[in-house]
Amino acid sequence: MTRILHNILRKLIGDEAGATAIEYGLIAALVSVAAIAALSAMGDSLTEIFGVVETELGNAATSASGG
């Protein structure tokens, strides 16, 4: 019985599939945090750019309509 338990414990300790899954999970979490941070930082710039585009299109529409 002790030999069987010893073999089971050896297999569990030697099994790295769980550790690999945890590593992939941590990498995915890190990439997600980095993407959220980058998009948040870029969000203000995009808002400003679209504001300029909106203003320019509004000015062009006013000029085209003869106003």
N, C-alpha and C. Protein backbone atom coordinates (compact mmCIF):
# COMPACT_ATOMS: atom_id res chain seq x y z
N MET A 1 0.82 -1.19 0.00
CA MET A 1 0.00 0.00 0.00
C MET A 1 0.87 1.26 0.00
N THR A 2 1.95 1.26 0.76
CA THR A 2 2.84 2.40 0.83
C THR A 2 3.50 2.66 -0.52
N ARG A 3 3.82 1.58 -1.22
CA ARG A 3 4.45 1.70 -2.54
C ARG A 3 3.50 2.38 -3.53
N ILE A 4 2.22 2.03 -3.48
CA ILE A 4 1.23 2.63 -4.37
C ILE A 4 1.08 4.12 -4.06
N LEU A 5 0.99 4.45 -2.78
CA LEU A 5 0.89 5.85 -2.37
C LEU A 5 2.13 6.63 -2.79
N HIS A 6 3.28 6.01 -2.65
CA HIS A 6 4.53 6.66 -3.06
C HIS A 6 4.53 6.94 -4.56
N ASN A 7 4.07 5.99 -5.36
CA ASN A 7 4.01 6.18 -6.82
C ASN A 7 3.03 7.28 -7.20
N ILE A 8 1.88 7.32 -6.52
CA ILE A 8 0.89 8.36 -6.80
C ILE A 8 1.46 9.73 -6.47
N LEU A 9 2.10 9.86 -5.33
CA LEU A 9 2.69 11.15 -4.94
C LEU A 9 3.78 11.58 -5.90
N ARG A 10 4.59 10.63 -6.35
CA ARG A 10 5.65 10.94 -7.30
C ARG A 10 5.06 11.46 -8.62
N LYS A 11 3.97 10.84 -9.07
CA LYS A 11 3.33 11.28 -10.31
C LYS A 11 2.73 12.68 -10.14
N LEU A 12 2.12 12.93 -8.99
CA LEU A 12 1.53 14.25 -8.75
C LEU A 12 2.59 15.34 -8.69
N ILE A 13 3.69 15.06 -8.05
CA ILE A 13 4.78 16.05 -7.95
C ILE A 13 5.42 16.27 -9.30
N GLY A 14 5.55 15.23 -10.10
CA GLY A 14 6.19 15.34 -11.41
C GLY A 14 5.29 15.92 -12.48
N ASP A 15 3.98 15.98 -12.23
CA ASP A 15 3.03 16.50 -13.22
C ASP A 15 3.11 18.02 -13.25
N GLU A 16 3.46 18.56 -14.40
CA GLU A 16 3.60 20.02 -14.54
C GLU A 16 2.47 20.64 -15.33
N ALA A 17 1.45 19.88 -15.69
CA ALA A 17 0.34 20.42 -16.50
C ALA A 17 -0.40 21.51 -15.74
N GLY A 18 -0.63 21.32 -14.46
CA GLY A 18 -1.32 22.33 -13.66
C GLY A 18 -0.51 23.60 -13.55
N ALA A 19 0.79 23.47 -13.37
CA ALA A 19 1.66 24.64 -13.28
C ALA A 19 1.68 25.40 -14.60
N THR A 20 1.67 24.69 -15.71
CA THR A 20 1.66 25.33 -17.02
C THR A 20 0.36 26.11 -17.22
N ALA A 21 -0.75 25.53 -16.81
CA ALA A 21 -2.04 26.21 -16.94
C ALA A 21 -2.06 27.49 -16.11
N ILE A 22 -1.50 27.43 -14.91
CA ILE A 22 -1.44 28.61 -14.05
C ILE A 22 -0.55 29.67 -14.68
N GLU A 23 0.56 29.27 -15.25
CA GLU A 23 1.46 30.23 -15.91
C GLU A 23 0.76 30.92 -17.08
N TYR A 24 0.04 30.14 -17.90
CA TYR A 24 -0.69 30.74 -19.02
C TYR A 24 -1.77 31.70 -18.51
N GLY A 25 -2.42 31.34 -17.43
CA GLY A 25 -3.42 32.22 -16.83
C GLY A 25 -2.82 33.52 -16.35
N LEU A 26 -1.65 33.45 -15.73
CA LEU A 26 -0.98 34.66 -15.26
C LEU A 26 -0.52 35.53 -16.43
N ILE A 27 -0.04 34.91 -17.48
CA ILE A 27 0.38 35.66 -18.68
C ILE A 27 -0.84 36.35 -19.30
N ALA A 28 -1.96 35.64 -19.40
CA ALA A 28 -3.18 36.23 -19.97
C ALA A 28 -3.65 37.40 -19.12
N ALA A 29 -3.57 37.28 -17.80
CA ALA A 29 -3.97 38.37 -16.91
C ALA A 29 -3.06 39.58 -17.10
N LEU A 30 -1.76 39.34 -17.22
CA LEU A 30 -0.81 40.43 -17.40
C LEU A 30 -1.05 41.15 -18.73
N VAL A 31 -1.29 40.39 -19.79
CA VAL A 31 -1.57 40.99 -21.09
C VAL A 31 -2.85 41.80 -21.03
N SER A 32 -3.86 41.30 -20.33
CA SER A 32 -5.13 42.03 -20.19
C SER A 32 -4.93 43.35 -19.46
N VAL A 33 -4.17 43.33 -18.39
CA VAL A 33 -3.90 44.56 -17.63
C VAL A 33 -3.14 45.55 -18.50
N ALA A 34 -2.17 45.08 -19.25
CA ALA A 34 -1.40 45.97 -20.13
C ALA A 34 -2.28 46.56 -21.22
N ALA A 35 -3.17 45.75 -21.79
CA ALA A 35 -4.07 46.24 -22.84
C ALA A 35 -5.03 47.28 -22.28
N ILE A 36 -5.57 47.04 -21.10
CA ILE A 36 -6.48 48.00 -20.48
C ILE A 36 -5.76 49.31 -20.20
N ALA A 37 -4.54 49.23 -19.69
CA ALA A 37 -3.77 50.44 -19.41
C ALA A 37 -3.47 51.21 -20.69
N ALA A 38 -3.09 50.51 -21.74
CA ALA A 38 -2.76 51.18 -23.01
C ALA A 38 -4.00 51.82 -23.62
N LEU A 39 -5.12 51.12 -23.60
CA LEU A 39 -6.34 51.67 -24.17
C LEU A 39 -6.86 52.85 -23.35
N SER A 40 -6.69 52.80 -22.05
CA SER A 40 -7.10 53.92 -21.20
C SER A 40 -6.25 55.15 -21.49
N ALA A 41 -4.95 54.96 -21.64
CA ALA A 41 -4.06 56.08 -21.94
C ALA A 41 -4.35 56.65 -23.32
N MET A 42 -4.69 55.80 -24.25
CA MET A 42 -4.96 56.22 -25.61
C MET A 42 -6.37 56.81 -25.75
N GLY A 43 -7.26 56.49 -24.83
CA GLY A 43 -8.63 56.93 -24.89
C GLY A 43 -8.77 58.44 -24.95
N ASP A 44 -8.01 59.16 -24.13
CA ASP A 44 -8.07 60.62 -24.12
C ASP A 44 -7.60 61.19 -25.46
N SER A 45 -6.57 60.61 -26.01
CA SER A 45 -6.06 61.07 -27.30
C SER A 45 -7.10 60.85 -28.39
N LEU A 46 -7.73 59.68 -28.37
CA LEU A 46 -8.75 59.39 -29.38
C LEU A 46 -9.94 60.32 -29.26
N THR A 47 -10.33 60.64 -28.04
CA THR A 47 -11.43 61.57 -27.82
C THR A 47 -11.09 62.94 -28.41
N GLU A 48 -9.87 63.36 -28.17
CA GLU A 48 -9.42 64.66 -28.70
C GLU A 48 -9.38 64.64 -30.24
N ILE A 49 -8.87 63.59 -30.81
CA ILE A 49 -8.78 63.48 -32.28
C ILE A 49 -10.16 63.50 -32.90
N PHE A 50 -11.09 62.72 -32.33
CA PHE A 50 -12.45 62.70 -32.88
C PHE A 50 -13.14 64.04 -32.69
N GLY A 51 -12.81 64.76 -31.63
CA GLY A 51 -13.35 66.10 -31.44
C GLY A 51 -12.89 67.05 -32.54
N VAL A 52 -11.62 66.97 -32.90
CA VAL A 52 -11.08 67.80 -33.97
C VAL A 52 -11.74 67.43 -35.30
N VAL A 53 -11.88 66.14 -35.56
CA VAL A 53 -12.53 65.70 -36.79
C VAL A 53 -13.97 66.20 -36.84
N GLU A 54 -14.67 66.10 -35.74
CA GLU A 54 -16.06 66.55 -35.68
C GLU A 54 -16.15 68.05 -35.98
N THR A 55 -15.24 68.83 -35.39
CA THR A 55 -15.23 70.28 -35.63
C THR A 55 -14.95 70.60 -37.09
N GLU A 56 -13.95 69.93 -37.64
CA GLU A 56 -13.58 70.18 -39.04
C GLU A 56 -14.71 69.79 -40.00
N LEU A 57 -15.36 68.65 -39.73
CA LEU A 57 -16.48 68.24 -40.57
C LEU A 57 -17.65 69.22 -40.45
N GLY A 58 -17.88 69.70 -39.25
CA GLY A 58 -18.93 70.69 -39.05
C GLY A 58 -18.63 71.97 -39.80
N ASN A 59 -17.38 72.42 -39.74
CA ASN A 59 -16.97 73.62 -40.47
C ASN A 59 -17.10 73.42 -41.98
N ALA A 60 -16.70 72.24 -42.45
CA ALA A 60 -16.79 71.95 -43.89
C ALA A 60 -18.26 71.92 -44.35
N ALA A 61 -19.13 71.36 -43.53
CA ALA A 61 -20.54 71.28 -43.87
C ALA A 61 -21.15 72.68 -43.91
N THR A 62 -20.75 73.53 -42.96
CA THR A 62 -21.26 74.90 -42.94
C THR A 62 -20.79 75.67 -44.15
N SER A 63 -19.52 75.49 -44.53
CA SER A 63 -18.98 76.18 -45.69
C SER A 63 -19.64 75.68 -46.97
N ALA A 64 -19.91 74.40 -47.06
CA ALA A 64 -20.50 73.83 -48.27
C ALA A 64 -21.94 74.27 -48.44
N SER A 65 -22.62 74.51 -47.31
CA SER A 65 -24.03 74.90 -47.42
C SER A 65 -24.18 76.41 -47.62
N GLY A 66 -23.06 77.14 -47.67
CA GLY A 66 -23.10 78.58 -47.95
C GLY A 66 -23.24 79.42 -46.70
N GLY A 67 -22.98 78.79 -45.51
CA GLY A 67 -23.15 79.54 -44.27
C GLY A 67 -21.96 80.20 -43.85
